[in-house]
Amino acid sequence: MRIFSSIAALALLAFAAPAHAQQSVMRETDITDLRLGQRVLVDDGSCPAGQIKEIQGSQMTTAGVVATRKCVPRLGPKRR
């Protein structure tokens, strides 16, 4: 019974981890398919120092997903 519960816990973690992953791109045009609730960080230099642009799929319409854009604090060092 104990082995089964630990296997179930590992399986749950494996499926839950990708749901919270954020993607980072250099340009907004690199975003090809934005899903509802998905957040993408865009490092295009349009936000003030110490911040990065976050694009989020915020609303579903008949034409597709509407994206909202805002500058959020950059967490951690800048990656290249």
PDB file of N, CA and C in Angstrom:
ATOM      1  N   MET A   1       0.824  -1.189   0.000  1.00  0.00           N
ATOM      2  CA  MET A   1       0.000   0.000   0.000  1.00  0.00           C
ATOM      3  C   MET A   1       0.870   1.256   0.000  1.00  0.00           C
ATOM      4  N   ARG A   2       1.961   1.210   0.753  1.00  0.00           N
ATOM      5  CA  ARG A   2       2.844   2.365   0.854  1.00  0.00           C
ATOM      6  C   ARG A   2       3.530   2.659  -0.483  1.00  0.00           C
ATOM      7  N   ILE A   3       3.884   1.618  -1.213  1.00  0.00           N
ATOM      8  CA  ILE A   3       4.528   1.796  -2.518  1.00  0.00           C
ATOM      9  C   ILE A   3       3.547   2.436  -3.494  1.00  0.00           C
ATOM     10  N   PHE A   4       2.304   1.984  -3.460  1.00  0.00           N
ATOM     11  CA  PHE A   4       1.289   2.534  -4.355  1.00  0.00           C
ATOM     12  C   PHE A   4       1.084   4.027  -4.101  1.00  0.00           C
ATOM     13  N   SER A   5       1.045   4.450  -2.842  1.00  0.00           N
ATOM     14  CA  SER A   5       0.814   5.862  -2.535  1.00  0.00           C
ATOM     15  C   SER A   5       2.003   6.717  -2.969  1.00  0.00           C
ATOM     16  N   SER A   6       3.216   6.209  -2.853  1.00  0.00           N
ATOM     17  CA  SER A   6       4.371   6.994  -3.295  1.00  0.00           C
ATOM     18  C   SER A   6       4.430   7.074  -4.819  1.00  0.00           C
ATOM     19  N   ILE A   7       4.046   6.020  -5.514  1.00  0.00           N
ATOM     20  CA  ILE A   7       3.989   6.054  -6.981  1.00  0.00           C
ATOM     21  C   ILE A   7       2.916   7.039  -7.430  1.00  0.00           C
ATOM     22  N   ALA A   8       1.775   7.030  -6.763  1.00  0.00           N
ATOM     23  CA  ALA A   8       0.696   7.965  -7.104  1.00  0.00           C
ATOM     24  C   ALA A   8       1.138   9.407  -6.864  1.00  0.00           C
ATOM     25  N   ALA A   9       1.882   9.651  -5.789  1.00  0.00           N
ATOM     26  CA  ALA A   9       2.361  11.005  -5.497  1.00  0.00           C
ATOM     27  C   ALA A   9       3.351  11.472  -6.567  1.00  0.00           C
ATOM     28  N   LEU A  10       4.247  10.593  -7.000  1.00  0.00           N
ATOM     29  CA  LEU A  10       5.205  10.947  -8.059  1.00  0.00           C
ATOM     30  C   LEU A  10       4.490  11.234  -9.376  1.00  0.00           C
ATOM     31  N   ALA A  11       3.482  10.447  -9.699  1.00  0.00           N
ATOM     32  CA  ALA A  11       2.722  10.673 -10.917  1.00  0.00           C
ATOM     33  C   ALA A  11       1.995  12.013 -10.863  1.00  0.00           C
ATOM     34  N   LEU A  12       1.449  12.347  -9.723  1.00  0.00           N
ATOM     35  CA  LEU A  12       0.760  13.622  -9.562  1.00  0.00           C
ATOM     36  C   LEU A  12       1.726  14.789  -9.747  1.00  0.00           C
ATOM     37  N   LEU A  13       2.911  14.691  -9.178  1.00  0.00           N
ATOM     38  CA  LEU A  13       3.918  15.743  -9.345  1.00  0.00           C
ATOM     39  C   LEU A  13       4.360  15.879 -10.794  1.00  0.00           C
ATOM     40  N   ALA A  14       4.485  14.779 -11.490  1.00  0.00           N
ATOM     41  CA  ALA A  14       4.917  14.815 -12.892  1.00  0.00           C
ATOM     42  C   ALA A  14       3.898  15.542 -13.767  1.00  0.00           C
ATOM     43  N   PHE A  15       2.614  15.363 -13.470  1.00  0.00           N
ATOM     44  CA  PHE A  15       1.583  16.020 -14.266  1.00  0.00           C
ATOM     45  C   PHE A  15       1.351  17.466 -13.836  1.00  0.00           C
ATOM     46  N   ALA A  16       1.605  17.797 -12.585  1.00  0.00           N
ATOM     47  CA  ALA A  16       1.337  19.137 -12.081  1.00  0.00           C
ATOM     48  C   ALA A  16       2.448  20.112 -12.435  1.00  0.00           C
ATOM     49  N   ALA A  17       3.669  19.675 -12.565  1.00  0.00           N
ATOM     50  CA  ALA A  17       4.805  20.567 -12.807  1.00  0.00           C
ATOM     51  C   ALA A  17       4.678  21.373 -14.100  1.00  0.00           C
ATOM     52  N   PRO A  18       4.340  20.785 -15.243  1.00  0.00           N
ATOM     53  CA  PRO A  18       4.266  21.580 -16.470  1.00  0.00           C
ATOM     54  C   PRO A  18       3.174  22.640 -16.452  1.00  0.00           C
ATOM     55  N   ALA A  19       2.168  22.506 -15.632  1.00  0.00           N
ATOM     56  CA  ALA A  19       1.071  23.464 -15.607  1.00  0.00           C
ATOM     57  C   ALA A  19       1.513  24.828 -15.087  1.00  0.00           C
ATOM     58  N   HIS A  20       2.569  24.880 -14.274  1.00  0.00           N
ATOM     59  CA  HIS A  20       3.011  26.132 -13.696  1.00  0.00           C
ATOM     60  C   HIS A  20       4.229  26.715 -14.405  1.00  0.00           C
ATOM     61  N   ALA A  21       4.697  26.091 -15.438  1.00  0.00           N
ATOM     62  CA  ALA A  21       5.888  26.561 -16.129  1.00  0.00           C
ATOM     63  C   ALA A  21       5.586  27.836 -16.913  1.00  0.00           C
ATOM     64  N   GLN A  22       6.517  28.782 -16.876  1.00  0.00           N
ATOM     65  CA  GLN A  22       6.390  29.995 -17.672  1.00  0.00           C
ATOM     66  C   GLN A  22       7.412  29.947 -18.787  1.00  0.00           C
ATOM     67  N   GLN A  23       7.034  30.493 -19.903  1.00  0.00           N
ATOM     68  CA  GLN A  23       7.894  30.533 -21.061  1.00  0.00           C
ATOM     69  C   GLN A  23       8.473  31.930 -21.174  1.00  0.00           C
ATOM     70  N   SER A  24       9.693  32.047 -21.651  1.00  0.00           N
ATOM     71  CA  SER A  24      10.314  33.344 -21.836  1.00  0.00           C
ATOM     72  C   SER A  24      10.803  33.455 -23.272  1.00  0.00           C
ATOM     73  N   VAL A  25      10.442  34.565 -23.937  1.00  0.00           N
ATOM     74  CA  VAL A  25      10.854  34.796 -25.321  1.00  0.00           C
ATOM     75  C   VAL A  25      11.430  36.202 -25.449  1.00  0.00           C
ATOM     76  N   MET A  26      12.071  36.493 -26.558  1.00  0.00           N
ATOM     77  CA  MET A  26      12.689  37.793 -26.772  1.00  0.00           C
ATOM     78  C   MET A  26      11.748  38.800 -27.463  1.00  0.00           C
ATOM     79  N   ARG A  27      10.778  38.310 -28.244  1.00  0.00           N
ATOM     80  CA  ARG A  27       9.855  39.204 -28.959  1.00  0.00           C
ATOM     81  C   ARG A  27       8.433  38.680 -28.860  1.00  0.00           C
ATOM     82  N   GLU A  28       7.469  39.574 -28.908  1.00  0.00           N
ATOM     83  CA  GLU A  28       6.063  39.155 -28.872  1.00  0.00           C
ATOM     84  C   GLU A  28       5.706  38.312 -30.082  1.00  0.00           C
ATOM     85  N   THR A  29       6.355  38.564 -31.213  1.00  0.00           N
ATOM     86  CA  THR A  29       6.051  37.800 -32.426  1.00  0.00           C
ATOM     87  C   THR A  29       6.480  36.341 -32.305  1.00  0.00           C
ATOM     88  N   ASP A  30       7.321  36.012 -31.311  1.00  0.00           N
ATOM     89  CA  ASP A  30       7.736  34.627 -31.100  1.00  0.00           C
ATOM     90  C   ASP A  30       6.641  33.799 -30.437  1.00  0.00           C
ATOM     91  N   ILE A  31       5.592  34.447 -29.940  1.00  0.00           N
ATOM     92  CA  ILE A  31       4.479  33.736 -29.306  1.00  0.00           C
ATOM     93  C   ILE A  31       3.541  33.281 -30.419  1.00  0.00           C
ATOM     94  N   THR A  32       3.435  31.963 -30.588  1.00  0.00           N
ATOM     95  CA  THR A  32       2.641  31.455 -31.700  1.00  0.00           C
ATOM     96  C   THR A  32       1.230  31.042 -31.289  1.00  0.00           C
ATOM     97  N   ASP A  33       1.082  30.432 -30.126  1.00  0.00           N
ATOM     98  CA  ASP A  33      -0.226  29.921 -29.724  1.00  0.00           C
ATOM     99  C   ASP A  33      -0.431  30.186 -28.239  1.00  0.00           C
ATOM    100  N   LEU A  34      -1.076  31.296 -27.913  1.00  0.00           N
ATOM    101  CA  LEU A  34      -1.321  31.668 -26.525  1.00  0.00           C
ATOM    102  C   LEU A  34      -2.635  31.043 -26.070  1.00  0.00           C
ATOM    103  N   ARG A  35      -2.583  30.308 -24.963  1.00  0.00           N
ATOM    104  CA  ARG A  35      -3.777  29.648 -24.425  1.00  0.00           C
ATOM    105  C   ARG A  35      -4.359  30.450 -23.268  1.00  0.00           C
ATOM    106  N   LEU A  36      -5.584  30.201 -22.962  1.00  0.00           N
ATOM    107  CA  LEU A  36      -6.268  30.882 -21.869  1.00  0.00           C
ATOM    108  C   LEU A  36      -5.551  30.583 -20.551  1.00  0.00           C
ATOM    109  N   GLY A  37      -5.145  31.635 -19.834  1.00  0.00           N
ATOM    110  CA  GLY A  37      -4.450  31.484 -18.561  1.00  0.00           C
ATOM    111  C   GLY A  37      -2.942  31.353 -18.680  1.00  0.00           C
ATOM    112  N   GLN A  38      -2.430  31.144 -19.880  1.00  0.00           N
ATOM    113  CA  GLN A  38      -0.987  30.991 -20.070  1.00  0.00           C
ATOM    114  C   GLN A  38      -0.292  32.337 -19.904  1.00  0.00           C
ATOM    115  N   ARG A  39       0.877  32.336 -19.277  1.00  0.00           N
ATOM    116  CA  ARG A  39       1.672  33.547 -19.091  1.00  0.00           C
ATOM    117  C   ARG A  39       3.010  33.375 -19.786  1.00  0.00           C
ATOM    118  N   VAL A  40       3.383  34.384 -20.571  1.00  0.00           N
ATOM    119  CA  VAL A  40       4.650  34.362 -21.288  1.00  0.00           C
ATOM    120  C   VAL A  40       5.410  35.627 -20.934  1.00  0.00           C
ATOM    121  N   LEU A  41       6.677  35.485 -20.574  1.00  0.00           N
ATOM    122  CA  LEU A  41       7.522  36.632 -20.271  1.00  0.00           C
ATOM    123  C   LEU A  41       8.266  37.030 -21.534  1.00  0.00           C
ATOM    124  N   VAL A  42       8.206  38.333 -21.877  1.00  0.00           N
ATOM    125  CA  VAL A  42       8.842  38.847 -23.087  1.00  0.00           C
ATOM    126  C   VAL A  42       9.906  39.853 -22.675  1.00  0.00           C
ATOM    127  N   ASP A  43      11.140  39.575 -23.025  1.00  0.00           N
ATOM    128  CA  ASP A  43      12.265  40.445 -22.685  1.00  0.00           C
ATOM    129  C   ASP A  43      12.644  41.271 -23.918  1.00  0.00           C
ATOM    130  N   ASP A  44      11.816  42.275 -24.221  1.00  0.00           N
ATOM    131  CA  ASP A  44      12.068  43.099 -25.409  1.00  0.00           C
ATOM    132  C   ASP A  44      12.570  44.499 -25.069  1.00  0.00           C
ATOM    133  N   GLY A  45      12.808  44.781 -23.780  1.00  0.00           N
ATOM    134  CA  GLY A  45      13.353  46.071 -23.378  1.00  0.00           C
ATOM    135  C   GLY A  45      12.328  47.189 -23.278  1.00  0.00           C
ATOM    136  N   SER A  46      11.041  46.880 -23.397  1.00  0.00           N
ATOM    137  CA  SER A  46      10.015  47.921 -23.358  1.00  0.00           C
ATOM    138  C   SER A  46       9.592  48.299 -21.938  1.00  0.00           C
ATOM    139  N   CYS A  47       9.965  47.512 -20.942  1.00  0.00           N
ATOM    140  CA  CYS A  47       9.617  47.802 -19.544  1.00  0.00           C
ATOM    141  C   CYS A  47      10.794  48.480 -18.841  1.00  0.00           C
ATOM    142  N   PRO A  48      10.528  49.195 -17.746  1.00  0.00           N
ATOM    143  CA  PRO A  48      11.601  49.851 -16.993  1.00  0.00           C
ATOM    144  C   PRO A  48      12.605  48.833 -16.436  1.00  0.00           C
ATOM    145  N   ALA A  49      13.742  49.345 -15.984  1.00  0.00           N
ATOM    146  CA  ALA A  49      14.785  48.490 -15.412  1.00  0.00           C
ATOM    147  C   ALA A  49      14.237  47.699 -14.232  1.00  0.00           C
ATOM    148  N   GLY A  50      14.585  46.419 -14.171  1.00  0.00           N
ATOM    149  CA  GLY A  50      14.132  45.562 -13.086  1.00  0.00           C
ATOM    150  C   GLY A  50      12.773  44.934 -13.324  1.00  0.00           C
ATOM    151  N   GLN A  51      12.174  45.196 -14.494  1.00  0.00           N
ATOM    152  CA  GLN A  51      10.865  44.625 -14.815  1.00  0.00           C
ATOM    153  C   GLN A  51      10.930  43.926 -16.167  1.00  0.00           C
ATOM    154  N   ILE A  52       9.951  43.064 -16.401  1.00  0.00           N
ATOM    155  CA  ILE A  52       9.850  42.332 -17.662  1.00  0.00           C
ATOM    156  C   ILE A  52       8.381  42.306 -18.075  1.00  0.00           C
ATOM    157  N   LYS A  53       8.108  42.278 -19.357  1.00  0.00           N
ATOM    158  CA  LYS A  53       6.728  42.279 -19.855  1.00  0.00           C
ATOM    159  C   LYS A  53       6.133  40.877 -19.719  1.00  0.00           C
ATOM    160  N   GLU A  54       4.921  40.826 -19.161  1.00  0.00           N
ATOM    161  CA  GLU A  54       4.190  39.573 -19.034  1.00  0.00           C
ATOM    162  C   GLU A  54       2.957  39.652 -19.919  1.00  0.00           C
ATOM    163  N   ILE A  55       2.802  38.678 -20.798  1.00  0.00           N
ATOM    164  CA  ILE A  55       1.622  38.587 -21.651  1.00  0.00           C
ATOM    165  C   ILE A  55       0.831  37.386 -21.183  1.00  0.00           C
ATOM    166  N   GLN A  56      -0.461  37.611 -20.926  1.00  0.00           N
ATOM    167  CA  GLN A  56      -1.310  36.552 -20.388  1.00  0.00           C
ATOM    168  C   GLN A  56      -2.546  36.404 -21.260  1.00  0.00           C
ATOM    169  N   GLY A  57      -2.902  35.160 -21.559  1.00  0.00           N
ATOM    170  CA  GLY A  57      -4.164  34.868 -22.236  1.00  0.00           C
ATOM    171  C   GLY A  57      -5.282  35.047 -21.243  1.00  0.00           C
ATOM    172  N   SER A  58      -6.022  36.154 -21.328  1.00  0.00           N
ATOM    173  CA  SER A  58      -6.930  36.514 -20.245  1.00  0.00           C
ATOM    174  C   SER A  58      -8.407  36.260 -20.525  1.00  0.00           C
ATOM    175  N   GLN A  59      -8.822  36.261 -21.778  1.00  0.00           N
ATOM    176  CA  GLN A  59     -10.253  36.135 -22.053  1.00  0.00           C
ATOM    177  C   GLN A  59     -10.457  35.372 -23.356  1.00  0.00           C
ATOM    178  N   MET A  60     -11.437  34.471 -23.353  1.00  0.00           N
ATOM    179  CA  MET A  60     -11.771  33.710 -24.549  1.00  0.00           C
ATOM    180  C   MET A  60     -12.909  34.404 -25.285  1.00  0.00           C
ATOM    181  N   THR A  61     -12.702  34.684 -26.560  1.00  0.00           N
ATOM    182  CA  THR A  61     -13.744  35.276 -27.402  1.00  0.00           C
ATOM    183  C   THR A  61     -13.974  34.363 -28.592  1.00  0.00           C
ATOM    184  N   THR A  62     -14.916  34.721 -29.435  1.00  0.00           N
ATOM    185  CA  THR A  62     -15.170  33.922 -30.634  1.00  0.00           C
ATOM    186  C   THR A  62     -13.999  34.010 -31.611  1.00  0.00           C
ATOM    187  N   ALA A  63     -13.222  35.090 -31.545  1.00  0.00           N
ATOM    188  CA  ALA A  63     -12.071  35.256 -32.415  1.00  0.00           C
ATOM    189  C   ALA A  63     -10.818  34.580 -31.866  1.00  0.00           C
ATOM    190  N   GLY A  64     -10.849  34.134 -30.614  1.00  0.00           N
ATOM    191  CA  GLY A  64      -9.687  33.485 -30.008  1.00  0.00           C
ATOM    192  C   GLY A  64      -9.422  34.042 -28.622  1.00  0.00           C
ATOM    193  N   VAL A  65      -8.192  33.876 -28.169  1.00  0.00           N
ATOM    194  CA  VAL A  65      -7.793  34.312 -26.829  1.00  0.00           C
ATOM    195  C   VAL A  65      -7.294  35.752 -26.888  1.00  0.00           C
ATOM    196  N   VAL A  66      -7.815  36.597 -25.988  1.00  0.00           N
ATOM    197  CA  VAL A  66      -7.385  37.990 -25.882  1.00  0.00           C
ATOM    198  C   VAL A  66      -6.208  38.044 -24.919  1.00  0.00           C
ATOM    199  N   ALA A  67      -5.144  38.731 -25.331  1.00  0.00           N
ATOM    200  CA  ALA A  67      -3.937  38.829 -24.510  1.00  0.00           C
ATOM    201  C   ALA A  67      -3.887  40.175 -23.794  1.00  0.00           C
ATOM    202  N   THR A  68      -3.465  40.143 -22.528  1.00  0.00           N
ATOM    203  CA  THR A  68      -3.211  41.376 -21.792  1.00  0.00           C
ATOM    204  C   THR A  68      -1.711  41.479 -21.541  1.00  0.00           C
ATOM    205  N   ARG A  69      -1.211  42.717 -21.513  1.00  0.00           N
ATOM    206  CA  ARG A  69       0.216  42.968 -21.340  1.00  0.00           C
ATOM    207  C   ARG A  69       0.433  43.872 -20.145  1.00  0.00           C
ATOM    208  N   LYS A  70       1.439  43.532 -19.328  1.00  0.00           N
ATOM    209  CA  LYS A  70       1.802  44.403 -18.208  1.00  0.00           C
ATOM    210  C   LYS A  70       3.256  44.139 -17.841  1.00  0.00           C
ATOM    211  N   CYS A  71       3.872  45.126 -17.202  1.00  0.00           N
ATOM    212  CA  CYS A  71       5.241  44.990 -16.716  1.00  0.00           C
ATOM    213  C   CYS A  71       5.192  44.453 -15.290  1.00  0.00           C
ATOM    214  N   VAL A  72       5.971  43.411 -15.028  1.00  0.00           N
ATOM    215  CA  VAL A  72       6.023  42.785 -13.706  1.00  0.00           C
ATOM    216  C   VAL A  72       7.475  42.770 -13.235  1.00  0.00           C
ATOM    217  N   PRO A  73       7.706  42.686 -11.926  1.00  0.00           N
ATOM    218  CA  PRO A  73       9.085  42.636 -11.416  1.00  0.00           C
ATOM    219  C   PRO A  73       9.827  41.412 -11.950  1.00  0.00           C
ATOM    220  N   ARG A  74      11.068  41.645 -12.335  1.00  0.00           N
ATOM    221  CA  ARG A  74      11.908  40.551 -12.822  1.00  0.00           C
ATOM    222  C   ARG A  74      12.416  39.774 -11.609  1.00  0.00           C
ATOM    223  N   LEU A  75      12.239  38.474 -11.615  1.00  0.00           N
ATOM    224  CA  LEU A  75      12.693  37.631 -10.517  1.00  0.00           C
ATOM    225  C   LEU A  75      13.957  36.898 -10.955  1.00  0.00           C
ATOM    226  N   GLY A  76      15.029  37.128 -10.242  1.00  0.00           N
ATOM    227  CA  GLY A  76      16.289  36.463 -10.552  1.00  0.00           C
ATOM    228  C   GLY A  76      17.098  37.232 -11.562  1.00  0.00           C
ATOM    229  N   PRO A  77      18.281  36.725 -11.905  1.00  0.00           N
ATOM    230  CA  PRO A  77      19.166  37.419 -12.845  1.00  0.00           C
ATOM    231  C   PRO A  77      18.664  37.312 -14.272  1.00  0.00           C
ATOM    232  N   LYS A  78      19.039  38.254 -15.112  1.00  0.00           N
ATOM    233  CA  LYS A  78      18.657  38.252 -16.517  1.00  0.00           C
ATOM    234  C   LYS A  78      19.371  37.101 -17.229  1.00  0.00           C
ATOM    235  N   ARG A  79      18.624  36.342 -18.008  1.00  0.00           N
ATOM    236  CA  ARG A  79      19.189  35.214 -18.764  1.00  0.00           C
ATOM    237  C   ARG A  79      19.458  35.628 -20.187  1.00  0.00           C
ATOM    238  N   ARG A  80      20.433  35.001 -20.791  1.00  0.00           N
ATOM    239  CA  ARG A  80      20.730  35.271 -22.212  1.00  0.00           C
ATOM    240  C   ARG A  80      20.375  34.083 -23.045  1.00  0.00           C
TER     241      ARG A  80
END
